[in-house]
N, C-alpha and C. Protein backbone atom coordinates (compact mmCIF):
# COMPACT_ATOMS: atom_id res chain seq x y z
N GLN A 1 -49.18 29.43 -37.19
CA GLN A 1 -48.86 28.69 -36.20
C GLN A 1 -47.12 28.88 -36.10
N VAL A 2 -46.56 28.94 -35.11
CA VAL A 2 -45.08 29.17 -34.90
C VAL A 2 -44.69 28.05 -34.85
N GLN A 3 -43.56 27.83 -35.64
CA GLN A 3 -42.66 26.49 -35.68
C GLN A 3 -41.41 26.66 -35.36
N LEU A 4 -40.91 25.87 -34.59
CA LEU A 4 -39.14 25.94 -34.08
C LEU A 4 -38.84 24.56 -34.42
N VAL A 5 -37.98 24.31 -35.38
CA VAL A 5 -37.51 23.01 -35.66
C VAL A 5 -36.08 22.83 -35.38
N GLU A 6 -35.64 21.91 -34.50
CA GLU A 6 -34.38 21.61 -33.73
C GLU A 6 -33.83 20.64 -34.52
N SER A 7 -32.52 20.58 -34.57
CA SER A 7 -31.80 19.57 -34.91
C SER A 7 -30.39 19.54 -34.50
N GLY A 8 -29.74 18.59 -34.55
CA GLY A 8 -28.24 18.43 -34.00
C GLY A 8 -28.08 17.49 -32.91
N GLY A 9 -28.68 17.32 -31.82
CA GLY A 9 -28.43 16.36 -30.61
C GLY A 9 -27.84 15.07 -31.02
N GLY A 10 -27.46 14.25 -29.74
CA GLY A 10 -26.94 12.98 -30.04
C GLY A 10 -26.05 12.47 -28.75
N LEU A 11 -25.52 11.58 -29.05
CA LEU A 11 -24.56 10.89 -28.09
C LEU A 11 -23.07 11.37 -28.20
N VAL A 12 -22.39 11.89 -27.38
CA VAL A 12 -20.99 12.33 -27.45
C VAL A 12 -20.12 12.03 -25.94
N GLN A 13 -18.82 11.82 -26.15
CA GLN A 13 -17.87 11.54 -24.97
C GLN A 13 -17.91 12.66 -24.35
N PRO A 14 -17.40 12.64 -22.99
CA PRO A 14 -16.74 13.93 -22.55
C PRO A 14 -15.75 14.65 -23.06
N GLY A 15 -15.98 15.88 -23.18
CA GLY A 15 -14.75 16.57 -23.83
C GLY A 15 -15.26 16.97 -25.18
N GLY A 16 -16.20 16.20 -25.88
CA GLY A 16 -16.32 16.24 -27.20
C GLY A 16 -17.28 17.58 -27.24
N SER A 17 -17.99 17.67 -28.62
CA SER A 17 -18.50 18.68 -29.02
C SER A 17 -19.68 18.41 -29.75
N LEU A 18 -20.85 19.16 -29.89
CA LEU A 18 -22.18 19.22 -30.74
C LEU A 18 -22.60 20.53 -31.13
N ARG A 19 -23.39 20.53 -31.97
CA ARG A 19 -24.03 21.70 -32.54
C ARG A 19 -25.43 21.55 -32.73
N LEU A 20 -26.00 22.36 -32.11
CA LEU A 20 -27.51 22.42 -32.19
C LEU A 20 -27.84 23.52 -33.06
N SER A 21 -29.20 23.11 -33.92
CA SER A 21 -29.75 24.27 -34.73
C SER A 21 -31.24 24.26 -34.63
N CYS A 22 -31.71 25.56 -34.72
CA CYS A 22 -33.18 25.75 -34.63
C CYS A 22 -33.68 26.72 -35.88
N ALA A 23 -34.32 26.14 -36.50
CA ALA A 23 -34.88 26.84 -37.65
C ALA A 23 -36.41 27.44 -37.24
N THR A 24 -36.50 28.62 -37.79
CA THR A 24 -38.09 29.15 -37.66
C THR A 24 -38.34 30.23 -38.91
N SER A 25 -39.62 30.90 -38.82
CA SER A 25 -39.79 31.97 -39.90
C SER A 25 -39.15 33.18 -39.87
N GLU A 26 -38.98 33.69 -40.76
CA GLU A 26 -38.42 35.05 -40.69
C GLU A 26 -38.93 36.05 -39.92
N THR A 27 -40.37 36.02 -39.76
CA THR A 27 -40.83 36.73 -38.87
C THR A 27 -40.47 36.96 -37.35
N ILE A 28 -40.67 35.38 -37.05
CA ILE A 28 -40.19 35.33 -35.68
C ILE A 28 -38.94 35.36 -35.31
N PHE A 29 -37.70 35.13 -36.41
CA PHE A 29 -36.44 35.15 -36.28
C PHE A 29 -36.01 36.68 -36.25
N ARG A 30 -36.62 37.41 -36.90
CA ARG A 30 -36.27 38.94 -37.06
C ARG A 30 -36.64 39.80 -35.83
N PHE A 31 -37.77 39.53 -35.15
CA PHE A 31 -38.16 40.33 -34.07
C PHE A 31 -37.87 39.86 -32.49
N TYR A 32 -37.84 38.51 -32.55
CA TYR A 32 -37.96 37.74 -31.32
C TYR A 32 -36.46 37.45 -30.77
N THR A 33 -36.35 37.35 -29.22
CA THR A 33 -35.26 37.05 -28.72
C THR A 33 -35.35 35.34 -28.67
N MET A 34 -34.21 34.77 -29.17
CA MET A 34 -34.22 33.36 -29.55
C MET A 34 -33.34 32.87 -28.18
N GLY A 35 -33.53 31.65 -27.67
CA GLY A 35 -32.96 30.78 -26.66
C GLY A 35 -33.02 29.62 -27.11
N TRP A 36 -31.98 29.06 -25.90
CA TRP A 36 -31.89 27.39 -25.58
C TRP A 36 -32.22 27.20 -24.34
N TYR A 37 -32.95 26.31 -24.05
CA TYR A 37 -33.23 25.88 -22.59
C TYR A 37 -32.63 24.50 -22.55
N ARG A 38 -32.54 23.79 -21.40
CA ARG A 38 -32.41 22.29 -21.29
C ARG A 38 -33.02 21.90 -20.01
N GLN A 39 -33.54 20.62 -20.04
CA GLN A 39 -34.12 19.94 -18.74
C GLN A 39 -33.36 18.54 -18.49
N ALA A 40 -32.74 18.42 -17.71
CA ALA A 40 -32.35 16.95 -17.36
C ALA A 40 -33.52 16.45 -16.49
N PRO A 41 -33.21 15.00 -16.32
CA PRO A 41 -34.28 14.30 -15.58
C PRO A 41 -34.43 14.72 -14.00
N ALA A 42 -35.65 14.79 -13.71
CA ALA A 42 -35.84 15.43 -12.28
C ALA A 42 -35.50 16.69 -11.90
N LYS A 43 -35.03 17.47 -13.10
CA LYS A 43 -34.73 18.91 -12.68
C LYS A 43 -35.75 20.02 -13.43
N GLN A 44 -35.61 21.09 -13.09
CA GLN A 44 -36.46 22.15 -13.59
C GLN A 44 -35.68 22.65 -15.06
N ARG A 45 -36.52 23.06 -16.00
CA ARG A 45 -35.87 23.76 -17.41
C ARG A 45 -35.24 24.70 -16.75
N GLU A 46 -34.03 24.97 -17.54
CA GLU A 46 -33.22 26.09 -17.14
C GLU A 46 -32.63 26.74 -18.59
N LEU A 47 -32.50 28.13 -18.37
CA LEU A 47 -32.10 28.65 -19.48
C LEU A 47 -30.28 28.46 -19.81
N VAL A 48 -30.11 28.12 -20.90
CA VAL A 48 -28.68 27.67 -21.36
C VAL A 48 -28.13 29.16 -21.94
N ALA A 49 -28.69 29.62 -22.84
CA ALA A 49 -28.21 30.78 -23.75
C ALA A 49 -29.24 31.45 -24.16
N SER A 50 -29.25 32.75 -24.65
CA SER A 50 -29.94 33.44 -25.25
C SER A 50 -29.64 34.54 -26.06
N ILE A 51 -30.09 34.93 -27.12
CA ILE A 51 -29.65 36.08 -27.90
C ILE A 51 -30.95 36.75 -28.55
N THR A 52 -30.65 38.30 -28.32
CA THR A 52 -31.74 39.26 -28.72
C THR A 52 -31.68 39.33 -30.10
N SER A 53 -32.63 40.06 -30.81
CA SER A 53 -32.63 40.38 -32.28
C SER A 53 -31.68 41.06 -32.59
N ASP A 54 -31.09 41.89 -31.70
CA ASP A 54 -29.92 42.86 -32.18
C ASP A 54 -28.59 42.22 -31.57
N GLY A 55 -28.45 40.94 -31.07
CA GLY A 55 -27.19 40.19 -30.98
C GLY A 55 -26.87 40.30 -29.47
N ILE A 56 -27.62 40.51 -28.62
CA ILE A 56 -27.03 40.77 -27.04
C ILE A 56 -27.18 39.33 -26.55
N ILE A 57 -26.25 38.99 -25.68
CA ILE A 57 -26.20 37.51 -25.46
C ILE A 57 -26.25 37.46 -24.04
N LYS A 58 -26.55 36.23 -23.37
CA LYS A 58 -26.40 35.99 -22.06
C LYS A 58 -26.50 34.49 -22.05
N TYR A 59 -25.45 33.95 -21.32
CA TYR A 59 -25.21 32.51 -20.94
C TYR A 59 -25.47 31.96 -19.39
N GLU A 60 -25.69 30.89 -19.24
CA GLU A 60 -25.80 30.42 -17.84
C GLU A 60 -24.61 30.19 -17.42
N ASP A 61 -24.08 30.40 -16.31
CA ASP A 61 -22.78 30.52 -15.65
C ASP A 61 -21.98 29.19 -16.16
N SER A 62 -22.53 28.02 -16.06
CA SER A 62 -21.94 26.82 -16.03
C SER A 62 -21.68 26.40 -17.45
N VAL A 63 -22.09 27.23 -18.53
CA VAL A 63 -21.62 26.78 -20.13
C VAL A 63 -20.66 28.06 -20.35
N LYS A 64 -20.45 29.15 -19.62
CA LYS A 64 -19.64 30.06 -20.06
C LYS A 64 -18.48 29.74 -20.44
N GLY A 65 -17.87 30.11 -21.88
CA GLY A 65 -16.82 29.65 -22.14
C GLY A 65 -16.59 28.47 -23.03
N ARG A 66 -17.89 27.63 -22.59
CA ARG A 66 -17.67 26.22 -23.53
C ARG A 66 -18.93 26.14 -24.54
N PHE A 67 -20.06 27.14 -24.33
CA PHE A 67 -20.91 27.17 -25.28
C PHE A 67 -21.02 28.40 -26.13
N THR A 68 -21.69 28.52 -27.41
CA THR A 68 -21.84 29.74 -28.20
C THR A 68 -22.76 29.66 -28.93
N ILE A 69 -23.84 30.78 -28.47
CA ILE A 69 -25.12 30.91 -29.48
C ILE A 69 -24.77 31.77 -30.44
N SER A 70 -25.34 31.55 -31.54
CA SER A 70 -25.34 32.46 -32.63
C SER A 70 -26.41 32.66 -33.62
N ARG A 71 -26.67 33.84 -34.39
CA ARG A 71 -27.71 33.85 -35.18
C ARG A 71 -27.26 33.61 -36.65
N ASP A 72 -28.07 33.01 -37.50
CA ASP A 72 -27.46 33.17 -38.98
C ASP A 72 -28.86 33.90 -39.62
N ASN A 73 -28.55 35.22 -39.95
CA ASN A 73 -29.85 35.93 -40.28
C ASN A 73 -30.08 35.43 -41.66
N ALA A 74 -29.37 34.89 -42.75
CA ALA A 74 -29.56 34.34 -43.99
C ALA A 74 -30.41 33.34 -44.12
N LYS A 75 -30.32 32.50 -42.77
CA LYS A 75 -31.14 31.26 -42.79
C LYS A 75 -32.22 31.11 -41.79
N ASN A 76 -32.39 32.00 -41.12
CA ASN A 76 -33.41 32.22 -40.01
C ASN A 76 -33.19 30.93 -38.90
N THR A 77 -31.98 30.99 -38.43
CA THR A 77 -31.77 29.91 -37.76
C THR A 77 -30.90 30.41 -36.40
N VAL A 78 -30.97 29.65 -35.46
CA VAL A 78 -29.98 30.07 -34.17
C VAL A 78 -29.17 28.74 -33.97
N ALA A 79 -28.23 29.00 -33.82
CA ALA A 79 -27.43 27.58 -33.46
C ALA A 79 -26.82 27.75 -31.83
N LEU A 80 -26.31 26.87 -31.36
CA LEU A 80 -25.64 26.39 -30.12
C LEU A 80 -24.72 25.74 -30.29
N GLN A 81 -23.45 26.18 -30.17
CA GLN A 81 -22.07 25.07 -30.38
C GLN A 81 -21.83 24.94 -29.02
N MET A 82 -21.49 23.60 -28.80
CA MET A 82 -21.30 23.07 -27.37
C MET A 82 -19.90 22.44 -27.34
N ASN A 83 -19.01 22.97 -26.81
CA ASN A 83 -17.75 22.41 -26.89
C ASN A 83 -17.32 21.88 -25.30
N SER A 84 -16.20 20.99 -25.16
CA SER A 84 -15.91 20.67 -23.83
C SER A 84 -17.10 20.00 -22.81
N LEU A 85 -17.90 19.12 -23.71
CA LEU A 85 -19.29 18.79 -22.94
C LEU A 85 -18.79 18.12 -21.69
N LYS A 86 -19.75 17.94 -20.75
CA LYS A 86 -19.59 17.27 -19.52
C LYS A 86 -20.75 16.51 -19.40
N PRO A 87 -20.52 15.43 -18.62
CA PRO A 87 -21.64 14.39 -18.20
C PRO A 87 -22.83 15.33 -17.91
N GLU A 88 -22.69 16.27 -16.86
CA GLU A 88 -23.81 17.05 -16.28
C GLU A 88 -24.52 18.11 -17.27
N ASP A 89 -24.08 18.27 -18.58
CA ASP A 89 -24.59 18.78 -19.59
C ASP A 89 -25.92 17.71 -20.57
N THR A 90 -25.72 16.89 -20.13
CA THR A 90 -26.90 15.64 -20.35
C THR A 90 -28.49 16.24 -20.30
N ALA A 91 -29.14 16.30 -21.19
CA ALA A 91 -30.29 16.84 -20.97
C ALA A 91 -30.98 16.99 -22.43
N VAL A 92 -32.53 17.13 -22.30
CA VAL A 92 -33.11 17.70 -23.49
C VAL A 92 -33.02 19.04 -23.62
N TYR A 93 -32.61 19.58 -24.88
CA TYR A 93 -32.27 20.80 -25.13
C TYR A 93 -33.63 21.37 -25.98
N TYR A 94 -34.06 22.55 -25.67
CA TYR A 94 -35.21 23.03 -26.43
C TYR A 94 -35.08 24.45 -26.98
N CYS A 95 -35.36 24.77 -28.14
CA CYS A 95 -35.29 26.14 -28.79
C CYS A 95 -36.50 26.82 -28.25
N ASN A 96 -36.37 28.30 -27.93
CA ASN A 96 -37.51 29.04 -27.55
C ASN A 96 -37.46 30.20 -28.06
N ALA A 97 -38.65 30.84 -28.46
CA ALA A 97 -38.70 32.36 -29.18
C ALA A 97 -39.65 33.16 -28.33
N GLY A 98 -39.49 34.11 -28.23
CA GLY A 98 -40.07 35.44 -27.94
C GLY A 98 -40.10 35.75 -26.14
N GLY A 99 -39.29 35.13 -25.75
CA GLY A 99 -38.82 35.42 -24.14
C GLY A 99 -37.85 36.61 -23.93
N SER A 100 -37.19 36.66 -22.84
CA SER A 100 -36.34 37.59 -22.50
C SER A 100 -35.37 36.83 -21.54
N PHE A 101 -34.31 37.52 -21.03
CA PHE A 101 -33.19 36.85 -20.19
C PHE A 101 -33.78 36.32 -18.94
N VAL A 102 -34.87 36.55 -18.64
CA VAL A 102 -35.49 36.15 -17.32
C VAL A 102 -36.57 35.41 -17.39
N ARG A 103 -37.16 35.17 -18.49
CA ARG A 103 -38.23 34.40 -18.47
C ARG A 103 -38.34 33.58 -20.20
N PRO A 104 -38.72 32.41 -20.35
CA PRO A 104 -38.94 31.97 -21.45
C PRO A 104 -40.34 32.68 -22.39
N GLY A 105 -40.11 32.50 -23.64
CA GLY A 105 -41.28 33.06 -24.47
C GLY A 105 -42.40 31.67 -24.57
N ASP A 106 -43.27 32.08 -25.58
CA ASP A 106 -44.38 31.12 -25.83
C ASP A 106 -44.11 30.07 -26.51
N PHE A 107 -43.12 30.09 -27.23
CA PHE A 107 -43.05 29.36 -28.60
C PHE A 107 -41.68 28.35 -27.96
N TRP A 108 -41.85 27.01 -28.29
CA TRP A 108 -40.91 26.09 -27.85
C TRP A 108 -40.71 25.11 -29.07
N GLY A 109 -39.50 24.70 -29.37
CA GLY A 109 -39.45 23.33 -30.18
C GLY A 109 -39.74 22.08 -29.56
N GLN A 110 -39.49 21.02 -30.34
CA GLN A 110 -40.04 19.80 -29.94
C GLN A 110 -38.80 19.17 -28.97
N GLY A 111 -37.53 19.74 -28.84
CA GLY A 111 -36.57 19.33 -27.95
C GLY A 111 -35.65 18.10 -28.64
N THR A 112 -34.48 18.29 -28.28
CA THR A 112 -33.43 17.12 -28.98
C THR A 112 -32.73 16.54 -27.56
N GLN A 113 -32.62 15.45 -27.83
CA GLN A 113 -31.85 14.85 -26.55
C GLN A 113 -30.21 15.19 -26.96
N VAL A 114 -29.49 15.43 -25.81
CA VAL A 114 -27.94 15.44 -25.79
C VAL A 114 -27.64 14.70 -24.68
N THR A 115 -26.91 13.75 -25.08
CA THR A 115 -26.41 12.67 -23.85
C THR A 115 -24.79 12.84 -23.93
N VAL A 116 -24.20 13.17 -22.72
CA VAL A 116 -22.58 13.30 -22.86
C VAL A 116 -22.25 11.96 -21.86
N SER A 117 -21.65 10.95 -22.23
CA SER A 117 -21.24 9.79 -21.69
C SER A 117 -20.02 9.02 -22.20
N SER A 118 -19.37 8.29 -21.55
CA SER A 118 -18.25 7.47 -22.03
C SER A 118 -18.66 6.13 -22.34
């Protein structure tokens, strides 16, 4: 059973920062593309950032220059550093494994809430 365990969500003021982390097994981490998706109320789930097993990265346009996705090969984790957060970044953020830049994979984390509000 594939497990993706997320951590790091919370409440932050506009302009603030949060760091999300997703841990998984070595097998999944080594071979699969890892991604972060988000879903806001009444909206479709969308790709935020994705990183392949060899480090190629894609960002959604609205987060470019503010969010950074990275892999920690020693810990089998993928992180999403979110800076200059805006209220429109408010959503449930999900870790995903096994997808590509155009579609998500079959494996999802449980989701973590990110709320940007003053």
